[in-house]
C-alpha atoms as a PDB file:
ATOM      1  CA  UNK A   1      -5.431  -6.915  -6.705  1.00  0.00           C
ATOM      2  CA  UNK A   2      -2.222  -8.268  -8.189  1.00  0.00           C
ATOM      3  CA  UNK A   3       0.945  -7.005  -6.507  1.00  0.00           C
ATOM      4  CA  UNK A   4       3.574  -9.061  -8.356  1.00  0.00           C
ATOM      5  CA  UNK A   5       4.788  -7.767 -11.707  1.00  0.00           C
ATOM      6  CA  UNK A   6       4.102  -9.862 -14.759  1.00  0.00           C
ATOM      7  CA  UNK A   7       7.799 -10.037 -15.526  1.00  0.00           C
ATOM      8  CA  UNK A   8       8.717 -11.789 -12.254  1.00  0.00           C
ATOM      9  CA  UNK A   9       5.842 -14.230 -12.493  1.00  0.00           C
ATOM     10  CA  UNK A  10       6.467 -14.979 -16.140  1.00  0.00           C
ATOM     11  CA  UNK A  11      10.158 -15.695 -15.684  1.00  0.00           C
ATOM     12  CA  UNK A  12      11.050 -19.320 -15.230  1.00  0.00           C
ATOM     13  CA  UNK A  13      12.987 -20.032 -12.046  1.00  0.00           C
ATOM     14  CA  UNK A  14      16.759 -20.031 -12.415  1.00  0.00           C
ATOM     15  CA  UNK A  15      18.567 -23.345 -11.922  1.00  0.00           C
ATOM     16  CA  UNK A  16      19.820 -22.267  -8.475  1.00  0.00           C
ATOM     17  CA  UNK A  17      16.239 -21.711  -7.236  1.00  0.00           C
ATOM     18  CA  UNK A  18      15.446 -25.428  -7.008  1.00  0.00           C
ATOM     19  CA  UNK A  19      17.115 -28.818  -6.902  1.00  0.00           C
ATOM     20  CA  UNK A  20      17.556 -30.519 -10.273  1.00  0.00           C
ATOM     21  CA  UNK A  21      14.976 -33.200  -9.379  1.00  0.00           C
ATOM     22  CA  UNK A  22      12.211 -30.615  -9.843  1.00  0.00           C
ATOM     23  CA  UNK A  23      13.303 -29.625 -13.359  1.00  0.00           C
ATOM     24  CA  UNK A  24      11.096 -32.470 -14.612  1.00  0.00           C
ATOM     25  CA  UNK A  25       8.062 -30.611 -13.245  1.00  0.00           C
ATOM     26  CA  UNK A  26       9.114 -27.072 -14.141  1.00  0.00           C
ATOM     27  CA  UNK A  27       9.872 -28.154 -17.711  1.00  0.00           C
ATOM     28  CA  UNK A  28       6.236 -29.259 -18.140  1.00  0.00           C
ATOM     29  CA  UNK A  29       4.899 -25.766 -17.454  1.00  0.00           C
ATOM     30  CA  UNK A  30       4.273 -23.507 -20.451  1.00  0.00           C
ATOM     31  CA  UNK A  31       5.870 -20.081 -20.558  1.00  0.00           C
ATOM     32  CA  UNK A  32       3.840 -17.233 -19.107  1.00  0.00           C
ATOM     33  CA  UNK A  33       2.486 -15.855 -15.875  1.00  0.00           C
ATOM     34  CA  UNK A  34       2.643 -18.735 -13.378  1.00  0.00           C
ATOM     35  CA  UNK A  35      -0.322 -17.485 -11.350  1.00  0.00           C
ATOM     36  CA  UNK A  36      -2.454 -17.391 -14.495  1.00  0.00           C
ATOM     37  CA  UNK A  37      -1.197 -20.876 -15.369  1.00  0.00           C
ATOM     38  CA  UNK A  38      -2.187 -22.202 -11.939  1.00  0.00           C
ATOM     39  CA  UNK A  39      -5.583 -20.500 -12.280  1.00  0.00           C
ATOM     40  CA  UNK A  40      -6.308 -21.932 -15.731  1.00  0.00           C
ATOM     41  CA  UNK A  41      -4.763 -25.348 -15.123  1.00  0.00           C
ATOM     42  CA  UNK A  42      -7.178 -26.312 -12.343  1.00  0.00           C
ATOM     43  CA  UNK A  43     -10.163 -25.722 -14.616  1.00  0.00           C
ATOM     44  CA  UNK A  44      -8.798 -28.254 -17.112  1.00  0.00           C
ATOM     45  CA  UNK A  45      -7.928 -30.737 -14.364  1.00  0.00           C
ATOM     46  CA  UNK A  46     -11.389 -30.500 -12.829  1.00  0.00           C
ATOM     47  CA  UNK A  47     -12.996 -31.069 -16.234  1.00  0.00           C
ATOM     48  CA  UNK A  48     -10.896 -34.200 -16.672  1.00  0.00           C
ATOM     49  CA  UNK A  49     -11.814 -35.496 -13.216  1.00  0.00           C
ATOM     50  CA  UNK A  50     -15.508 -34.746 -13.808  1.00  0.00           C
ATOM     51  CA  UNK A  51     -15.373 -37.013 -16.874  1.00  0.00           C
ATOM     52  CA  UNK A  52     -14.293 -40.002 -14.769  1.00  0.00           C
ATOM     53  CA  UNK A  53     -17.222 -42.106 -13.537  1.00  0.00           C
ATOM     54  CA  UNK A  54     -17.267 -42.436  -9.746  1.00  0.00           C
ATOM     55  CA  UNK A  55     -17.081 -46.238  -9.936  1.00  0.00           C
ATOM     56  CA  UNK A  56     -13.751 -45.888 -11.767  1.00  0.00           C
ATOM     57  CA  UNK A  57     -12.170 -43.945  -8.867  1.00  0.00           C
ATOM     58  CA  UNK A  58     -10.656 -47.103  -7.370  1.00  0.00           C
ATOM     59  CA  UNK A  59      -9.032 -48.181 -10.647  1.00  0.00           C
ATOM     60  CA  UNK A  60      -5.304 -48.972 -10.621  1.00  0.00           C
ATOM     61  CA  UNK A  61      -3.551 -49.499 -13.934  1.00  0.00           C
ATOM     62  CA  UNK A  62      -1.142 -52.051 -12.416  1.00  0.00           C
ATOM     63  CA  UNK A  63      -0.529 -54.010  -9.235  1.00  0.00           C
ATOM     64  CA  UNK A  64       0.900 -51.805  -6.496  1.00  0.00           C
ATOM     65  CA  UNK A  65      -0.016 -48.525  -8.217  1.00  0.00           C
ATOM     66  CA  UNK A  66      -2.201 -45.895  -6.627  1.00  0.00           C
ATOM     67  CA  UNK A  67      -5.893 -45.687  -7.474  1.00  0.00           C
ATOM     68  CA  UNK A  68      -7.287 -42.656  -9.297  1.00  0.00           C
ATOM     69  CA  UNK A  69      -8.647 -41.379  -5.969  1.00  0.00           C
ATOM     70  CA  UNK A  70      -5.221 -41.798  -4.374  1.00  0.00           C
ATOM     71  CA  UNK A  71      -3.575 -39.865  -7.208  1.00  0.00           C
ATOM     72  CA  UNK A  72      -5.983 -36.976  -6.716  1.00  0.00           C
ATOM     73  CA  UNK A  73      -5.517 -37.065  -2.938  1.00  0.00           C
ATOM     74  CA  UNK A  74      -1.757 -37.092  -3.456  1.00  0.00           C
ATOM     75  CA  UNK A  75      -2.073 -34.014  -5.673  1.00  0.00           C
ATOM     76  CA  UNK A  76      -3.919 -32.239  -2.828  1.00  0.00           C
ATOM     77  CA  UNK A  77      -1.308 -33.204  -0.238  1.00  0.00           C
ATOM     78  CA  UNK A  78       1.692 -32.250  -2.328  1.00  0.00           C
ATOM     79  CA  UNK A  79       0.259 -28.898  -3.365  1.00  0.00           C
ATOM     80  CA  UNK A  80      -0.418 -28.104   0.280  1.00  0.00           C
ATOM     81  CA  UNK A  81       3.170 -28.967   1.171  1.00  0.00           C
ATOM     82  CA  UNK A  82       4.713 -26.953  -1.672  1.00  0.00           C
ATOM     83  CA  UNK A  83       2.534 -23.946  -0.885  1.00  0.00           C
ATOM     84  CA  UNK A  84       3.210 -24.244   2.852  1.00  0.00           C
ATOM     85  CA  UNK A  85       6.901 -24.092   2.006  1.00  0.00           C
ATOM     86  CA  UNK A  86       6.274 -21.099  -0.262  1.00  0.00           C
ATOM     87  CA  UNK A  87       4.355 -19.345   2.524  1.00  0.00           C
ATOM     88  CA  UNK A  88       7.166 -19.866   5.008  1.00  0.00           C
ATOM     89  CA  UNK A  89       9.800 -18.667   2.559  1.00  0.00           C
ATOM     90  CA  UNK A  90       7.709 -15.674   1.414  1.00  0.00           C
ATOM     91  CA  UNK A  91       7.450 -14.621   5.068  1.00  0.00           C
ATOM     92  CA  UNK A  92      11.248 -14.792   5.262  1.00  0.00           C
ATOM     93  CA  UNK A  93      11.231 -17.768   7.626  1.00  0.00           C
ATOM     94  CA  UNK A  94      14.759 -19.178   7.538  1.00  0.00           C
ATOM     95  CA  UNK A  95      13.906 -22.437   9.316  1.00  0.00           C
ATOM     96  CA  UNK A  96      14.952 -25.443   7.255  1.00  0.00           C
ATOM     97  CA  UNK A  97      11.852 -27.499   6.507  1.00  0.00           C
ATOM     98  CA  UNK A  98      11.771 -31.310   6.517  1.00  0.00           C
ATOM     99  CA  UNK A  99      10.942 -33.560   3.615  1.00  0.00           C
ATOM    100  CA  UNK A 100       8.052 -36.034   3.486  1.00  0.00           C
ATOM    101  CA  UNK A 101       7.378 -39.479   2.099  1.00  0.00           C
ATOM    102  CA  UNK A 102       4.564 -39.313  -0.438  1.00  0.00           C
ATOM    103  CA  UNK A 103       3.949 -43.065  -0.232  1.00  0.00           C
ATOM    104  CA  UNK A 104       3.463 -42.899   3.546  1.00  0.00           C
ATOM    105  CA  UNK A 105       1.061 -39.992   3.105  1.00  0.00           C
ATOM    106  CA  UNK A 106      -1.059 -41.928   0.587  1.00  0.00           C
ATOM    107  CA  UNK A 107      -0.955 -45.116   2.686  1.00  0.00           C
ATOM    108  CA  UNK A 108      -2.290 -43.233   5.712  1.00  0.00           C
ATOM    109  CA  UNK A 109      -4.853 -40.968   4.047  1.00  0.00           C
ATOM    110  CA  UNK A 110      -7.841 -43.243   3.360  1.00  0.00           C
ATOM    111  CA  UNK A 111      -8.414 -41.595  -0.039  1.00  0.00           C
ATOM    112  CA  UNK A 112     -10.162 -44.719  -1.308  1.00  0.00           C
ATOM    113  CA  UNK A 113     -12.815 -44.277   1.409  1.00  0.00           C
ATOM    114  CA  UNK A 114     -13.814 -40.965  -0.189  1.00  0.00           C
ATOM    115  CA  UNK A 115     -15.578 -40.075  -3.404  1.00  0.00           C
ATOM    116  CA  UNK A 116     -13.679 -38.922  -6.442  1.00  0.00           C
ATOM    117  CA  UNK A 117     -15.996 -35.913  -6.616  1.00  0.00           C
ATOM    118  CA  UNK A 118     -15.159 -35.002  -3.016  1.00  0.00           C
ATOM    119  CA  UNK A 119     -11.441 -35.248  -3.722  1.00  0.00           C
ATOM    120  CA  UNK A 120     -11.858 -33.091  -6.828  1.00  0.00           C
ATOM    121  CA  UNK A 121     -13.653 -30.488  -4.699  1.00  0.00           C
ATOM    122  CA  UNK A 122     -10.770 -30.558  -2.231  1.00  0.00           C
ATOM    123  CA  UNK A 123      -8.214 -30.179  -5.031  1.00  0.00           C
ATOM    124  CA  UNK A 124     -10.146 -27.181  -6.325  1.00  0.00           C
ATOM    125  CA  UNK A 125     -10.194 -25.546  -2.878  1.00  0.00           C
ATOM    126  CA  UNK A 126      -6.488 -26.181  -2.363  1.00  0.00           C
ATOM    127  CA  UNK A 127      -5.655 -24.693  -5.762  1.00  0.00           C
ATOM    128  CA  UNK A 128      -7.748 -21.554  -5.281  1.00  0.00           C
ATOM    129  CA  UNK A 129      -5.985 -21.003  -1.955  1.00  0.00           C
ATOM    130  CA  UNK A 130      -2.637 -21.437  -3.721  1.00  0.00           C
ATOM    131  CA  UNK A 131      -3.589 -18.966  -6.439  1.00  0.00           C
ATOM    132  CA  UNK A 132      -4.719 -16.439  -3.823  1.00  0.00           C
ATOM    133  CA  UNK A 133      -1.410 -16.715  -1.985  1.00  0.00           C
ATOM    134  CA  UNK A 134       0.807 -16.439  -5.055  1.00  0.00           C
ATOM    135  CA  UNK A 135      -1.306 -13.616  -6.462  1.00  0.00           C
ATOM    136  CA  UNK A 136      -0.847 -11.607  -3.253  1.00  0.00           C
ATOM    137  CA  UNK A 137       2.953 -11.683  -3.156  1.00  0.00           C
ATOM    138  CA  UNK A 138       5.261  -8.789  -3.930  1.00  0.00           C
ATOM    139  CA  UNK A 139       8.227  -9.215  -6.257  1.00  0.00           C
ATOM    140  CA  UNK A 140      10.563  -9.506  -3.269  1.00  0.00           C
ATOM    141  CA  UNK A 141       8.399 -12.155  -1.600  1.00  0.00           C
ATOM    142  CA  UNK A 142       8.095 -14.112  -4.837  1.00  0.00           C
ATOM    143  CA  UNK A 143      11.872 -14.269  -5.130  1.00  0.00           C
ATOM    144  CA  UNK A 144      12.649 -15.178  -1.511  1.00  0.00           C
ATOM    145  CA  UNK A 145      14.279 -18.503  -0.811  1.00  0.00           C
ATOM    146  CA  UNK A 146      14.498 -21.151   1.827  1.00  0.00           C
ATOM    147  CA  UNK A 147      15.575 -24.739   2.332  1.00  0.00           C
ATOM    148  CA  UNK A 148      13.261 -27.748   2.338  1.00  0.00           C
ATOM    149  CA  UNK A 149      14.331 -31.370   2.446  1.00  0.00           C
ATOM    150  CA  UNK A 150      17.973 -30.206   2.470  1.00  0.00           C
ATOM    151  CA  UNK A 151      17.515 -28.402  -0.869  1.00  0.00           C
ATOM    152  CA  UNK A 152      17.165 -24.712  -1.744  1.00  0.00           C
ATOM    153  CA  UNK A 153      13.947 -23.419  -3.254  1.00  0.00           C
ATOM    154  CA  UNK A 154      12.505 -20.044  -4.125  1.00  0.00           C
ATOM    155  CA  UNK A 155       8.858 -19.127  -3.758  1.00  0.00           C
ATOM    156  CA  UNK A 156       8.757 -18.689  -7.540  1.00  0.00           C
ATOM    157  CA  UNK A 157      10.182 -22.171  -8.098  1.00  0.00           C
ATOM    158  CA  UNK A 158       7.621 -23.677  -5.742  1.00  0.00           C
ATOM    159  CA  UNK A 159       4.791 -22.105  -7.760  1.00  0.00           C
ATOM    160  CA  UNK A 160       6.206 -23.569 -10.976  1.00  0.00           C
ATOM    161  CA  UNK A 161       6.797 -26.937  -9.297  1.00  0.00           C
ATOM    162  CA  UNK A 162       3.181 -27.032  -8.079  1.00  0.00           C
ATOM    163  CA  UNK A 163       1.933 -26.447 -11.626  1.00  0.00           C
ATOM    164  CA  UNK A 164       4.335 -29.007 -13.085  1.00  0.00           C
ATOM    165  CA  UNK A 165       3.473 -31.599 -10.455  1.00  0.00           C
ATOM    166  CA  UNK A 166      -0.207 -31.308 -11.304  1.00  0.00           C
ATOM    167  CA  UNK A 167       0.538 -31.547 -15.027  1.00  0.00           C
ATOM    168  CA  UNK A 168       2.689 -34.626 -14.417  1.00  0.00           C
ATOM    169  CA  UNK A 169      -0.152 -36.439 -12.665  1.00  0.00           C
ATOM    170  CA  UNK A 170      -2.798 -35.286 -15.145  1.00  0.00           C
ATOM    171  CA  UNK A 171      -0.637 -36.752 -17.917  1.00  0.00           C
ATOM    172  CA  UNK A 172      -0.372 -40.032 -15.994  1.00  0.00           C
ATOM    173  CA  UNK A 173      -4.131 -40.090 -15.441  1.00  0.00           C
ATOM    174  CA  UNK A 174      -4.722 -39.554 -19.160  1.00  0.00           C
ATOM    175  CA  UNK A 175      -2.164 -42.064 -20.434  1.00  0.00           C
ATOM    176  CA  UNK A 176      -2.234 -44.857 -17.852  1.00  0.00           C
ATOM    177  CA  UNK A 177      -5.563 -44.684 -16.051  1.00  0.00           C
ATOM    178  CA  UNK A 178      -8.114 -43.370 -18.507  1.00  0.00           C
ATOM    179  CA  UNK A 179      -7.011 -45.283 -21.607  1.00  0.00           C
ATOM    180  CA  UNK A 180      -7.284 -48.747 -20.055  1.00  0.00           C
END
């Protein structure tokens, strides 16, 4: 059962709900209900990943770039972090949360030891958990704020950032990994 009104979910975050760095992700997200966007977006992403042959999972488009498997693993990690932050803020936790180094996470994750299909399954599970959380929030919870990595963020902004982050990496997969 959806608790959040369509109007709150469909409104883009205000500029003071996130640091300007994340505008590049939020701007990628189409207008509309963000929970519906998250729900529909994963279906498209999974279809794209299913079209990639398993033997191509280790492909890197340039020296020093992540493999396709590492990109997908990174998407899982970052969504977990954004949604963890959203959970804390939705619960009115005022503790400032630390940042993280995405390159260290990828370097220590062993994503290339896993199958692309297994990583896609994990991404799907992470996303459905994210959708369930965001879909359960009241208007007040959706608009609550906190601080992560020394920057303010609202729960709403974190939902939009999660969608934009996925879109960013899907675009990179399409243009740099799957055209070569």
